[in-house]
Amino acid sequence: MQEDTRDKAQGRLKRIAGQVAGIQRMLNEDRYCVDVLLQITAVQAALMETGRVILAGHIETCLTQALRSRDQQERRKKIDELMNVFTRFCRVEGRSDTDPAANHTPDPKPRGKGR
């Protein structure tokens, strides 16, 4: 990992650690549930952004080096690895099975003018 990427990620993680400590204080102070949930959502978003920073750094360094390599097997390995990471990353970032909106089936007959 490049030093710049590491520094960015560590700075973000330090802020996230502060946010998590704040959430713990909120719980200890018996703060309003919605306020706690909003802070948890902020931490989740911050973690996802940290992941994006690290993923971008990986693509710029490790993956680029492998693609420039003459070793076909190494290129294939890195591409497969990246596809696996994207699959996991998108699953974490996307809607969950418990999200009611994720289970909503759109009306096949849209209603509008002329219907």
PDB file of N, CA and C in Angstrom:
ATOM      1  N   MET A   1       0.849  -1.173   0.000  1.00  0.00           N
ATOM      2  CA  MET A   1       0.000   0.000   0.000  1.00  0.00           C
ATOM      3  C   MET A   1       0.899   1.241   0.000  1.00  0.00           C
ATOM      4  N   GLN A   2       0.555   2.189  -0.839  1.00  0.00           N
ATOM      5  CA  GLN A   2       1.343   3.413  -0.891  1.00  0.00           C
ATOM      6  C   GLN A   2       1.144   4.234   0.380  1.00  0.00           C
ATOM      7  N   GLU A   3       2.168   4.988   0.725  1.00  0.00           N
ATOM      8  CA  GLU A   3       2.151   5.772   1.964  1.00  0.00           C
ATOM      9  C   GLU A   3       0.986   6.769   1.983  1.00  0.00           C
ATOM     10  N   ASP A   4       0.718   7.401   0.847  1.00  0.00           N
ATOM     11  CA  ASP A   4      -0.371   8.379   0.759  1.00  0.00           C
ATOM     12  C   ASP A   4      -1.721   7.723   1.072  1.00  0.00           C
ATOM     13  N   THR A   5      -1.954   6.569   0.488  1.00  0.00           N
ATOM     14  CA  THR A   5      -3.205   5.839   0.727  1.00  0.00           C
ATOM     15  C   THR A   5      -3.297   5.424   2.187  1.00  0.00           C
ATOM     16  N   ARG A   6      -2.209   4.920   2.727  1.00  0.00           N
ATOM     17  CA  ARG A   6      -2.179   4.500   4.133  1.00  0.00           C
ATOM     18  C   ARG A   6      -2.486   5.677   5.052  1.00  0.00           C
ATOM     19  N   ASP A   7      -1.866   6.833   4.780  1.00  0.00           N
ATOM     20  CA  ASP A   7      -2.093   8.017   5.602  1.00  0.00           C
ATOM     21  C   ASP A   7      -3.556   8.469   5.546  1.00  0.00           C
ATOM     22  N   LYS A   8      -4.124   8.475   4.350  1.00  0.00           N
ATOM     23  CA  LYS A   8      -5.536   8.858   4.213  1.00  0.00           C
ATOM     24  C   LYS A   8      -6.433   7.895   4.990  1.00  0.00           C
ATOM     25  N   ALA A   9      -6.192   6.605   4.827  1.00  0.00           N
ATOM     26  CA  ALA A   9      -7.020   5.598   5.502  1.00  0.00           C
ATOM     27  C   ALA A   9      -6.864   5.704   7.016  1.00  0.00           C
ATOM     28  N   GLN A  10      -5.643   5.880   7.501  1.00  0.00           N
ATOM     29  CA  GLN A  10      -5.432   5.980   8.944  1.00  0.00           C
ATOM     30  C   GLN A  10      -6.095   7.227   9.518  1.00  0.00           C
ATOM     31  N   GLY A  11      -6.021   8.332   8.804  1.00  0.00           N
ATOM     32  CA  GLY A  11      -6.692   9.552   9.259  1.00  0.00           C
ATOM     33  C   GLY A  11      -8.197   9.348   9.359  1.00  0.00           C
ATOM     34  N   ARG A  12      -8.771   8.698   8.351  1.00  0.00           N
ATOM     35  CA  ARG A  12     -10.210   8.419   8.363  1.00  0.00           C
ATOM     36  C   ARG A  12     -10.567   7.483   9.510  1.00  0.00           C
ATOM     37  N   LEU A  13      -9.753   6.457   9.727  1.00  0.00           N
ATOM     38  CA  LEU A  13     -10.043   5.493  10.792  1.00  0.00           C
ATOM     39  C   LEU A  13      -9.935   6.126  12.173  1.00  0.00           C
ATOM     40  N   LYS A  14      -9.037   7.072  12.342  1.00  0.00           N
ATOM     41  CA  LYS A  14      -8.952   7.773  13.631  1.00  0.00           C
ATOM     42  C   LYS A  14     -10.222   8.580  13.892  1.00  0.00           C
ATOM     43  N   ARG A  15     -10.722   9.244  12.839  1.00  0.00           N
ATOM     44  CA  ARG A  15     -11.976   9.993  12.993  1.00  0.00           C
ATOM     45  C   ARG A  15     -13.132   9.038  13.290  1.00  0.00           C
ATOM     46  N   ILE A  16     -13.144   7.899  12.614  1.00  0.00           N
ATOM     47  CA  ILE A  16     -14.198   6.914  12.836  1.00  0.00           C
ATOM     48  C   ILE A  16     -14.136   6.397  14.267  1.00  0.00           C
ATOM     49  N   ALA A  17     -12.936   6.150  14.777  1.00  0.00           N
ATOM     50  CA  ALA A  17     -12.789   5.693  16.164  1.00  0.00           C
ATOM     51  C   ALA A  17     -13.378   6.729  17.119  1.00  0.00           C
ATOM     52  N   GLY A  18     -13.176   8.009  16.832  1.00  0.00           N
ATOM     53  CA  GLY A  18     -13.761   9.068  17.641  1.00  0.00           C
ATOM     54  C   GLY A  18     -15.278   9.059  17.564  1.00  0.00           C
ATOM     55  N   GLN A  19     -15.803   8.801  16.350  1.00  0.00           N
ATOM     56  CA  GLN A  19     -17.255   8.724  16.187  1.00  0.00           C
ATOM     57  C   GLN A  19     -17.833   7.545  16.975  1.00  0.00           C
ATOM     58  N   VAL A  20     -17.153   6.411  16.941  1.00  0.00           N
ATOM     59  CA  VAL A  20     -17.621   5.226  17.673  1.00  0.00           C
ATOM     60  C   VAL A  20     -17.588   5.498  19.174  1.00  0.00           C
ATOM     61  N   ALA A  21     -16.546   6.155  19.637  1.00  0.00           N
ATOM     62  CA  ALA A  21     -16.486   6.513  21.060  1.00  0.00           C
ATOM     63  C   ALA A  21     -17.650   7.437  21.415  1.00  0.00           C
ATOM     64  N   GLY A  22     -17.984   8.340  20.513  1.00  0.00           N
ATOM     65  CA  GLY A  22     -19.122   9.231  20.730  1.00  0.00           C
ATOM     66  C   GLY A  22     -20.440   8.465  20.817  1.00  0.00           C
ATOM     67  N   ILE A  23     -20.574   7.448  19.991  1.00  0.00           N
ATOM     68  CA  ILE A  23     -21.779   6.611  20.035  1.00  0.00           C
ATOM     69  C   ILE A  23     -21.853   5.881  21.371  1.00  0.00           C
ATOM     70  N   GLN A  24     -20.728   5.391  21.845  1.00  0.00           N
ATOM     71  CA  GLN A  24     -20.711   4.717  23.147  1.00  0.00           C
ATOM     72  C   GLN A  24     -21.145   5.681  24.260  1.00  0.00           C
ATOM     73  N   ARG A  25     -20.662   6.922  24.188  1.00  0.00           N
ATOM     74  CA  ARG A  25     -21.076   7.926  25.180  1.00  0.00           C
ATOM     75  C   ARG A  25     -22.577   8.186  25.083  1.00  0.00           C
ATOM     76  N   MET A  26     -23.086   8.268  23.847  1.00  0.00           N
ATOM     77  CA  MET A  26     -24.518   8.490  23.655  1.00  0.00           C
ATOM     78  C   MET A  26     -25.333   7.378  24.310  1.00  0.00           C
ATOM     79  N   LEU A  27     -24.870   6.140  24.157  1.00  0.00           N
ATOM     80  CA  LEU A  27     -25.576   5.016  24.781  1.00  0.00           C
ATOM     81  C   LEU A  27     -25.516   5.109  26.301  1.00  0.00           C
ATOM     82  N   ASN A  28     -24.334   5.436  26.831  1.00  0.00           N
ATOM     83  CA  ASN A  28     -24.174   5.576  28.277  1.00  0.00           C
ATOM     84  C   ASN A  28     -25.056   6.691  28.845  1.00  0.00           C
ATOM     85  N   GLU A  29     -25.279   7.726  28.028  1.00  0.00           N
ATOM     86  CA  GLU A  29     -26.098   8.863  28.454  1.00  0.00           C
ATOM     87  C   GLU A  29     -27.572   8.647  28.148  1.00  0.00           C
ATOM     88  N   ASP A  30     -27.906   7.458  27.622  1.00  0.00           N
ATOM     89  CA  ASP A  30     -29.290   7.109  27.282  1.00  0.00           C
ATOM     90  C   ASP A  30     -29.904   8.130  26.328  1.00  0.00           C
ATOM     91  N   ARG A  31     -29.134   8.462  25.285  1.00  0.00           N
ATOM     92  CA  ARG A  31     -29.595   9.424  24.289  1.00  0.00           C
ATOM     93  C   ARG A  31     -30.678   8.823  23.409  1.00  0.00           C
ATOM     94  N   TYR A  32     -31.391   9.668  22.721  1.00  0.00           N
ATOM     95  CA  TYR A  32     -32.510   9.297  21.861  1.00  0.00           C
ATOM     96  C   TYR A  32     -32.048   8.307  20.785  1.00  0.00           C
ATOM     97  N   CYS A  33     -32.798   7.225  20.643  1.00  0.00           N
ATOM     98  CA  CYS A  33     -32.417   6.126  19.735  1.00  0.00           C
ATOM     99  C   CYS A  33     -32.155   6.602  18.310  1.00  0.00           C
ATOM    100  N   VAL A  34     -32.993   7.482  17.802  1.00  0.00           N
ATOM    101  CA  VAL A  34     -32.831   7.938  16.418  1.00  0.00           C
ATOM    102  C   VAL A  34     -31.507   8.674  16.252  1.00  0.00           C
ATOM    103  N   ASP A  35     -31.134   9.467  17.251  1.00  0.00           N
ATOM    104  CA  ASP A  35     -29.845  10.168  17.177  1.00  0.00           C
ATOM    105  C   ASP A  35     -28.683   9.171  17.139  1.00  0.00           C
ATOM    106  N   VAL A  36     -28.780   8.119  17.944  1.00  0.00           N
ATOM    107  CA  VAL A  36     -27.739   7.080  17.956  1.00  0.00           C
ATOM    108  C   VAL A  36     -27.685   6.387  16.593  1.00  0.00           C
ATOM    109  N   LEU A  37     -28.842   6.049  16.056  1.00  0.00           N
ATOM    110  CA  LEU A  37     -28.895   5.372  14.753  1.00  0.00           C
ATOM    111  C   LEU A  37     -28.310   6.244  13.646  1.00  0.00           C
ATOM    112  N   LEU A  38     -28.576   7.529  13.697  1.00  0.00           N
ATOM    113  CA  LEU A  38     -28.004   8.429  12.686  1.00  0.00           C
ATOM    114  C   LEU A  38     -26.486   8.470  12.773  1.00  0.00           C
ATOM    115  N   GLN A  39     -25.954   8.441  13.989  1.00  0.00           N
ATOM    116  CA  GLN A  39     -24.502   8.415  14.149  1.00  0.00           C
ATOM    117  C   GLN A  39     -23.911   7.098  13.645  1.00  0.00           C
ATOM    118  N   ILE A  40     -24.623   5.997  13.880  1.00  0.00           N
ATOM    119  CA  ILE A  40     -24.170   4.696  13.362  1.00  0.00           C
ATOM    120  C   ILE A  40     -24.134   4.728  11.835  1.00  0.00           C
ATOM    121  N   THR A  41     -25.147   5.328  11.229  1.00  0.00           N
ATOM    122  CA  THR A  41     -25.180   5.453   9.768  1.00  0.00           C
ATOM    123  C   THR A  41     -23.996   6.282   9.272  1.00  0.00           C
ATOM    124  N   ALA A  42     -23.654   7.333  10.006  1.00  0.00           N
ATOM    125  CA  ALA A  42     -22.505   8.165   9.620  1.00  0.00           C
ATOM    126  C   ALA A  42     -21.209   7.363   9.683  1.00  0.00           C
ATOM    127  N   VAL A  43     -21.069   6.520  10.704  1.00  0.00           N
ATOM    128  CA  VAL A  43     -19.869   5.679  10.825  1.00  0.00           C
ATOM    129  C   VAL A  43     -19.808   4.673   9.677  1.00  0.00           C
ATOM    130  N   GLN A  44     -20.949   4.077   9.345  1.00  0.00           N
ATOM    131  CA  GLN A  44     -20.976   3.122   8.235  1.00  0.00           C
ATOM    132  C   GLN A  44     -20.550   3.794   6.931  1.00  0.00           C
ATOM    133  N   ALA A  45     -21.055   5.001   6.684  1.00  0.00           N
ATOM    134  CA  ALA A  45     -20.683   5.733   5.469  1.00  0.00           C
ATOM    135  C   ALA A  45     -19.189   6.057   5.474  1.00  0.00           C
ATOM    136  N   ALA A  46     -18.675   6.439   6.625  1.00  0.00           N
ATOM    137  CA  ALA A  46     -17.245   6.763   6.726  1.00  0.00           C
ATOM    138  C   ALA A  46     -16.388   5.521   6.468  1.00  0.00           C
ATOM    139  N   LEU A  47     -16.821   4.374   6.967  1.00  0.00           N
ATOM    140  CA  LEU A  47     -16.089   3.124   6.707  1.00  0.00           C
ATOM    141  C   LEU A  47     -16.116   2.769   5.223  1.00  0.00           C
ATOM    142  N   MET A  48     -17.276   2.954   4.583  1.00  0.00           N
ATOM    143  CA  MET A  48     -17.360   2.663   3.145  1.00  0.00           C
ATOM    144  C   MET A  48     -16.422   3.573   2.360  1.00  0.00           C
ATOM    145  N   GLU A  49     -16.358   4.832   2.728  1.00  0.00           N
ATOM    146  CA  GLU A  49     -15.464   5.757   2.030  1.00  0.00           C
ATOM    147  C   GLU A  49     -14.004   5.371   2.255  1.00  0.00           C
ATOM    148  N   THR A  50     -13.683   4.920   3.454  1.00  0.00           N
ATOM    149  CA  THR A  50     -12.320   4.447   3.732  1.00  0.00           C
ATOM    150  C   THR A  50     -12.006   3.242   2.848  1.00  0.00           C
ATOM    151  N   GLY A  51     -12.972   2.366   2.698  1.00  0.00           N
ATOM    152  CA  GLY A  51     -12.795   1.213   1.809  1.00  0.00           C
ATOM    153  C   GLY A  51     -12.552   1.645   0.373  1.00  0.00           C
ATOM    154  N   ARG A  52     -13.265   2.670  -0.069  1.00  0.00           N
ATOM    155  CA  ARG A  52     -13.073   3.173  -1.437  1.00  0.00           C
ATOM    156  C   ARG A  52     -11.661   3.735  -1.623  1.00  0.00           C
ATOM    157  N   VAL A  53     -11.166   4.430  -0.617  1.00  0.00           N
ATOM    158  CA  VAL A  53      -9.804   4.985  -0.686  1.00  0.00           C
ATOM    159  C   VAL A  53      -8.790   3.847  -0.832  1.00  0.00           C
ATOM    160  N   ILE A  54      -8.946   2.809  -0.026  1.00  0.00           N
ATOM    161  CA  ILE A  54      -8.016   1.680  -0.069  1.00  0.00           C
ATOM    162  C   ILE A  54      -8.154   0.920  -1.386  1.00  0.00           C
ATOM    163  N   LEU A  55      -9.386   0.732  -1.848  1.00  0.00           N
ATOM    164  CA  LEU A  55      -9.606   0.035  -3.119  1.00  0.00           C
ATOM    165  C   LEU A  55      -8.988   0.811  -4.281  1.00  0.00           C
ATOM    166  N   ALA A  56      -9.171   2.114  -4.284  1.00  0.00           N
ATOM    167  CA  ALA A  56      -8.570   2.934  -5.347  1.00  0.00           C
ATOM    168  C   ALA A  56      -7.050   2.820  -5.324  1.00  0.00           C
ATOM    169  N   GLY A  57      -6.481   2.841  -4.136  1.00  0.00           N
ATOM    170  CA  GLY A  57      -5.031   2.679  -4.024  1.00  0.00           C
ATOM    171  C   GLY A  57      -4.575   1.325  -4.529  1.00  0.00           C
ATOM    172  N   HIS A  58      -5.344   0.298  -4.241  1.00  0.00           N
ATOM    173  CA  HIS A  58      -5.010  -1.048  -4.704  1.00  0.00           C
ATOM    174  C   HIS A  58      -5.037  -1.110  -6.231  1.00  0.00           C
ATOM    175  N   ILE A  59      -6.053  -0.512  -6.817  1.00  0.00           N
ATOM    176  CA  ILE A  59      -6.164  -0.523  -8.285  1.00  0.00           C
ATOM    177  C   ILE A  59      -5.002   0.236  -8.907  1.00  0.00           C
ATOM    178  N   GLU A  60      -4.654   1.373  -8.318  1.00  0.00           N
ATOM    179  CA  GLU A  60      -3.578   2.204  -8.868  1.00  0.00           C
ATOM    180  C   GLU A  60      -2.205   1.554  -8.746  1.00  0.00           C
ATOM    181  N   THR A  61      -2.008   0.693  -7.753  1.00  0.00           N
ATOM    182  CA  THR A  61      -0.676   0.110  -7.542  1.00  0.00           C
ATOM    183  C   THR A  61      -0.655  -1.369  -7.891  1.00  0.00           C
ATOM    184  N   CYS A  62      -1.202  -2.189  -7.032  1.00  0.00           N
ATOM    185  CA  CYS A  62      -1.091  -3.648  -7.176  1.00  0.00           C
ATOM    186  C   CYS A  62      -1.684  -4.152  -8.490  1.00  0.00           C
ATOM    187  N   LEU A  63      -2.893  -3.720  -8.779  1.00  0.00           N
ATOM    188  CA  LEU A  63      -3.548  -4.210  -9.992  1.00  0.00           C
ATOM    189  C   LEU A  63      -2.837  -3.706 -11.243  1.00  0.00           C
ATOM    190  N   THR A  64      -2.455  -2.443 -11.255  1.00  0.00           N
ATOM    191  CA  THR A  64      -1.761  -1.877 -12.413  1.00  0.00           C
ATOM    192  C   THR A  64      -0.448  -2.614 -12.674  1.00  0.00           C
ATOM    193  N   GLN A  65       0.294  -2.912 -11.612  1.00  0.00           N
ATOM    194  CA  GLN A  65       1.552  -3.652 -11.773  1.00  0.00           C
ATOM    195  C   GLN A  65       1.299  -5.038 -12.363  1.00  0.00           C
ATOM    196  N   ALA A  66       0.260  -5.708 -11.886  1.00  0.00           N
ATOM    197  CA  ALA A  66      -0.039  -7.052 -12.385  1.00  0.00           C
ATOM    198  C   ALA A  66      -0.454  -7.010 -13.853  1.00  0.00           C
ATOM    199  N   LEU A  67      -1.238  -6.013 -14.232  1.00  0.00           N
ATOM    200  CA  LEU A  67      -1.687  -5.921 -15.622  1.00  0.00           C
ATOM    201  C   LEU A  67      -0.538  -5.595 -16.571  1.00  0.00           C
ATOM    202  N   ARG A  68       0.463  -4.917 -16.078  1.00  0.00           N
ATOM    203  CA  ARG A  68       1.638  -4.605 -16.908  1.00  0.00           C
ATOM    204  C   ARG A  68       2.600  -5.782 -16.983  1.00  0.00           C
ATOM    205  N   SER A  69       2.412  -6.733 -16.112  1.00  0.00           N
ATOM    206  CA  SER A  69       3.289  -7.902 -16.058  1.00  0.00           C
ATOM    207  C   SER A  69       3.089  -8.772 -17.299  1.00  0.00           C
ATOM    208  N   ARG A  70       4.124  -9.507 -17.644  1.00  0.00           N
ATOM    209  CA  ARG A  70       4.024 -10.458 -18.759  1.00  0.00           C
ATOM    210  C   ARG A  70       3.475 -11.801 -18.286  1.00  0.00           C
ATOM    211  N   ASP A  71       3.326 -11.922 -16.984  1.00  0.00           N
ATOM    212  CA  ASP A  71       2.846 -13.178 -16.392  1.00  0.00           C
ATOM    213  C   ASP A  71       1.324 -13.249 -16.473  1.00  0.00           C
ATOM    214  N   GLN A  72       0.835 -14.026 -17.425  1.00  0.00           N
ATOM    215  CA  GLN A  72      -0.602 -14.168 -17.673  1.00  0.00           C
ATOM    216  C   GLN A  72      -1.331 -14.686 -16.432  1.00  0.00           C
ATOM    217  N   GLN A  73      -0.728 -15.618 -15.733  1.00  0.00           N
ATOM    218  CA  GLN A  73      -1.352 -16.202 -14.549  1.00  0.00           C
ATOM    219  C   GLN A  73      -1.492 -15.150 -13.434  1.00  0.00           C
ATOM    220  N   GLU A  74      -0.484 -14.318 -13.265  1.00  0.00           N
ATOM    221  CA  GLU A  74      -0.542 -13.257 -12.252  1.00  0.00           C
ATOM    222  C   GLU A  74      -1.627 -12.241 -12.593  1.00  0.00           C
ATOM    223  N   ARG A  75      -1.754 -11.894 -13.879  1.00  0.00           N
ATOM    224  CA  ARG A  75      -2.810 -10.960 -14.298  1.00  0.00           C
ATOM    225  C   ARG A  75      -4.182 -11.545 -13.999  1.00  0.00           C
ATOM    226  N   ARG A  76      -4.377 -12.808 -14.366  1.00  0.00           N
ATOM    227  CA  ARG A  76      -5.675 -13.461 -14.137  1.00  0.00           C
ATOM    228  C   ARG A  76      -5.991 -13.515 -12.643  1.00  0.00           C
ATOM    229  N   LYS A  77      -4.978 -13.828 -11.836  1.00  0.00           N
ATOM    230  CA  LYS A  77      -5.155 -13.917 -10.387  1.00  0.00           C
ATOM    231  C   LYS A  77      -5.615 -12.572  -9.819  1.00  0.00           C
ATOM    232  N   LYS A  78      -4.989 -11.471 -10.248  1.00  0.00           N
ATOM    233  CA  LYS A  78      -5.334 -10.140  -9.743  1.00  0.00           C
ATOM    234  C   LYS A  78      -6.718  -9.705 -10.219  1.00  0.00           C
ATOM    235  N   ILE A  79      -7.065 -10.033 -11.444  1.00  0.00           N
ATOM    236  CA  ILE A  79      -8.400  -9.685 -11.940  1.00  0.00           C
ATOM    237  C   ILE A  79      -9.463 -10.459 -11.169  1.00  0.00           C
ATOM    238  N   ASP A  80      -9.241 -11.740 -10.945  1.00  0.00           N
ATOM    239  CA  ASP A  80     -10.190 -12.544 -10.164  1.00  0.00           C
ATOM    240  C   ASP A  80     -10.314 -12.013  -8.742  1.00  0.00           C
ATOM    241  N   GLU A  81      -9.192 -11.654  -8.162  1.00  0.00           N
ATOM    242  CA  GLU A  81      -9.184 -11.099  -6.812  1.00  0.00           C
ATOM    243  C   GLU A  81     -10.002  -9.800  -6.755  1.00  0.00           C
ATOM    244  N   LEU A  82      -9.801  -8.939  -7.755  1.00  0.00           N
ATOM    245  CA  LEU A  82     -10.529  -7.678  -7.797  1.00  0.00           C
ATOM    246  C   LEU A  82     -12.033  -7.910  -7.964  1.00  0.00           C
ATOM    247  N   MET A  83     -12.406  -8.844  -8.810  1.00  0.00           N
ATOM    248  CA  MET A  83     -13.830  -9.146  -8.997  1.00  0.00           C
ATOM    249  C   MET A  83     -14.447  -9.648  -7.695  1.00  0.00           C
ATOM    250  N   ASN A  84     -13.725 -10.455  -6.955  1.00  0.00           N
ATOM    251  CA  ASN A  84     -14.194 -10.945  -5.665  1.00  0.00           C
ATOM    252  C   ASN A  84     -14.374  -9.786  -4.682  1.00  0.00           C
ATOM    253  N   VAL A  85     -13.409  -8.887  -4.661  1.00  0.00           N
ATOM    254  CA  VAL A  85     -13.502  -7.728  -3.768  1.00  0.00           C
ATOM    255  C   VAL A  85     -14.698  -6.859  -4.152  1.00  0.00           C
ATOM    256  N   PHE A  86     -14.875  -6.594  -5.434  1.00  0.00           N
ATOM    257  CA  PHE A  86     -16.025  -5.796  -5.881  1.00  0.00           C
ATOM    258  C   PHE A  86     -17.337  -6.460  -5.470  1.00  0.00           C
ATOM    259  N   THR A  87     -17.430  -7.757  -5.638  1.00  0.00           N
ATOM    260  CA  THR A  87     -18.650  -8.471  -5.266  1.00  0.00           C
ATOM    261  C   THR A  87     -18.942  -8.300  -3.786  1.00  0.00           C
ATOM    262  N   ARG A  88     -17.956  -8.485  -2.954  1.00  0.00           N
ATOM    263  CA  ARG A  88     -18.145  -8.337  -1.500  1.00  0.00           C
ATOM    264  C   ARG A  88     -18.425  -6.891  -1.136  1.00  0.00           C
ATOM    265  N   PHE A  89     -17.688  -5.969  -1.723  1.00  0.00           N
ATOM    266  CA  PHE A  89     -17.833  -4.555  -1.413  1.00  0.00           C
ATOM    267  C   PHE A  89     -19.218  -4.060  -1.798  1.00  0.00           C
ATOM    268  N   CYS A  90     -19.684  -4.464  -2.964  1.00  0.00           N
ATOM    269  CA  CYS A  90     -21.020  -4.046  -3.414  1.00  0.00           C
ATOM    270  C   CYS A  90     -22.108  -4.662  -2.548  1.00  0.00           C
ATOM    271  N   ARG A  91     -21.913  -5.874  -2.092  1.00  0.00           N
ATOM    272  CA  ARG A  91     -22.892  -6.533  -1.228  1.00  0.00           C
ATOM    273  C   ARG A  91     -23.018  -5.782   0.090  1.00  0.00           C
ATOM    274  N   VAL A  92     -21.898  -5.348   0.636  1.00  0.00           N
ATOM    275  CA  VAL A  92     -21.902  -4.601   1.896  1.00  0.00           C
ATOM    276  C   VAL A  92     -22.557  -3.236   1.686  1.00  0.00           C
ATOM    277  N   GLU A  93     -22.256  -2.604   0.564  1.00  0.00           N
ATOM    278  CA  GLU A  93     -22.735  -1.255   0.305  1.00  0.00           C
ATOM    279  C   GLU A  93     -24.202  -1.225  -0.106  1.00  0.00           C
ATOM    280  N   GLY A  94     -24.672  -2.305  -0.727  1.00  0.00           N
ATOM    281  CA  GLY A  94     -26.041  -2.338  -1.242  1.00  0.00           C
ATOM    282  C   GLY A  94     -27.074  -2.551  -0.164  1.00  0.00           C
ATOM    283  N   ARG A  95     -28.305  -2.729  -0.624  1.00  0.00           N
ATOM    284  CA  ARG A  95     -29.413  -2.957   0.291  1.00  0.00           C
ATOM    285  C   ARG A  95     -29.311  -4.335   0.910  1.00  0.00           C
ATOM    286  N   SER A  96     -29.801  -4.436   2.124  1.00  0.00           N
ATOM    287  CA  SER A  96     -29.799  -5.728   2.804  1.00  0.00           C
ATOM    288  C   SER A  96     -31.134  -6.427   2.599  1.00  0.00           C
ATOM    289  N   ASP A  97     -31.185  -7.698   2.959  1.00  0.00           N
ATOM    290  CA  ASP A  97     -32.419  -8.458   2.842  1.00  0.00           C
ATOM    291  C   ASP A  97     -33.484  -7.956   3.798  1.00  0.00           C
ATOM    292  N   THR A  98     -33.091  -7.245   4.845  1.00  0.00           N
ATOM    293  CA  THR A  98     -34.058  -6.746   5.812  1.00  0.00           C
ATOM    294  C   THR A  98     -34.612  -5.391   5.415  1.00  0.00           C
ATOM    295  N   ASP A  99     -34.113  -4.809   4.346  1.00  0.00           N
ATOM    296  CA  ASP A  99     -34.589  -3.514   3.881  1.00  0.00           C
ATOM    297  C   ASP A  99     -35.901  -3.717   3.139  1.00  0.00           C
ATOM    298  N   PRO A 100     -37.021  -3.160   3.636  1.00  0.00           N
ATOM    299  CA  PRO A 100     -38.302  -3.367   2.975  1.00  0.00           C
ATOM    300  C   PRO A 100     -38.294  -2.881   1.531  1.00  0.00           C
ATOM    301  N   ALA A 101     -37.553  -1.824   1.242  1.00  0.00           N
ATOM    302  CA  ALA A 101     -37.506  -1.312  -0.126  1.00  0.00           C
ATOM    303  C   ALA A 101     -36.828  -2.297  -1.068  1.00  0.00           C
ATOM    304  N   ALA A 102     -35.924  -3.111  -0.542  1.00  0.00           N
ATOM    305  CA  ALA A 102     -35.218  -4.089  -1.378  1.00  0.00           C
ATOM    306  C   ALA A 102     -36.155  -5.211  -1.797  1.00  0.00           C
ATOM    307  N   ASN A 103     -37.193  -5.466  -1.023  1.00  0.00           N
ATOM    308  CA  ASN A 103     -38.121  -6.551  -1.323  1.00  0.00           C
ATOM    309  C   ASN A 103     -39.363  -6.064  -2.048  1.00  0.00           C
ATOM    310  N   HIS A 104     -39.427  -4.781  -2.364  1.00  0.00           N
ATOM    311  CA  HIS A 104     -40.585  -4.211  -3.034  1.00  0.00           C
ATOM    312  C   HIS A 104     -40.559  -4.576  -4.512  1.00  0.00           C
ATOM    313  N   THR A 105     -41.659  -5.090  -4.992  1.00  0.00           N
ATOM    314  CA  THR A 105     -41.790  -5.396  -6.412  1.00  0.00           C
ATOM    315  C   THR A 105     -42.599  -4.282  -7.051  1.00  0.00           C
ATOM    316  N   PRO A 106     -42.063  -3.616  -8.071  1.00  0.00           N
ATOM    317  CA  PRO A 106     -42.797  -2.514  -8.690  1.00  0.00           C
ATOM    318  C   PRO A 106     -44.077  -3.006  -9.349  1.00  0.00           C
ATOM    319  N   ASP A 107     -45.072  -2.147  -9.386  1.00  0.00           N
ATOM    320  CA  ASP A 107     -46.334  -2.447 -10.031  1.00  0.00           C
ATOM    321  C   ASP A 107     -46.094  -2.628 -11.526  1.00  0.00           C
ATOM    322  N   PRO A 108     -46.449  -3.797 -12.080  1.00  0.00           N
ATOM    323  CA  PRO A 108     -46.165  -4.030 -13.514  1.00  0.00           C
ATOM    324  C   PRO A 108     -47.026  -3.187 -14.434  1.00  0.00           C
ATOM    325  N   LYS A 109     -48.133  -2.626 -13.923  1.00  0.00           N
ATOM    326  CA  LYS A 109     -49.009  -1.801 -14.743  1.00  0.00           C
ATOM    327  C   LYS A 109     -49.003  -0.391 -14.176  1.00  0.00           C
ATOM    328  N   PRO A 110     -48.069   0.441 -14.638  1.00  0.00           N
ATOM    329  CA  PRO A 110     -48.021   1.800 -14.100  1.00  0.00           C
ATOM    330  C   PRO A 110     -49.294   2.546 -14.416  1.00  0.00           C
ATOM    331  N   ARG A 111     -49.732   3.328 -13.441  1.00  0.00           N
ATOM    332  CA  ARG A 111     -50.941   4.096 -13.606  1.00  0.00           C
ATOM    333  C   ARG A 111     -50.543   5.549 -13.890  1.00  0.00           C
ATOM    334  N   GLY A 112     -51.181   6.125 -14.831  1.00  0.00           N
ATOM    335  CA  GLY A 112     -50.887   7.506 -15.169  1.00  0.00           C
ATOM    336  C   GLY A 112     -51.965   8.017 -16.101  1.00  0.00           C
ATOM    337  N   LYS A 113     -51.696   9.099 -16.756  1.00  0.00           N
ATOM    338  CA  LYS A 113     -52.658   9.653 -17.697  1.00  0.00           C
ATOM    339  C   LYS A 113     -52.952   8.649 -18.796  1.00  0.00           C
ATOM    340  N   GLY A 114     -54.209   8.532 -19.160  1.00  0.00           N
ATOM    341  CA  GLY A 114     -54.585   7.637 -20.247  1.00  0.00           C
ATOM    342  C   GLY A 114     -54.903   6.240 -19.784  1.00  0.00           C
ATOM    343  N   ARG A 115     -54.857   5.973 -18.504  1.00  0.00           N
ATOM    344  CA  ARG A 115     -55.152   4.625 -17.986  1.00  0.00           C
ATOM    345  C   ARG A 115     -56.381   4.653 -17.177  1.00  0.00           C
TER     346      ARG A 115
END
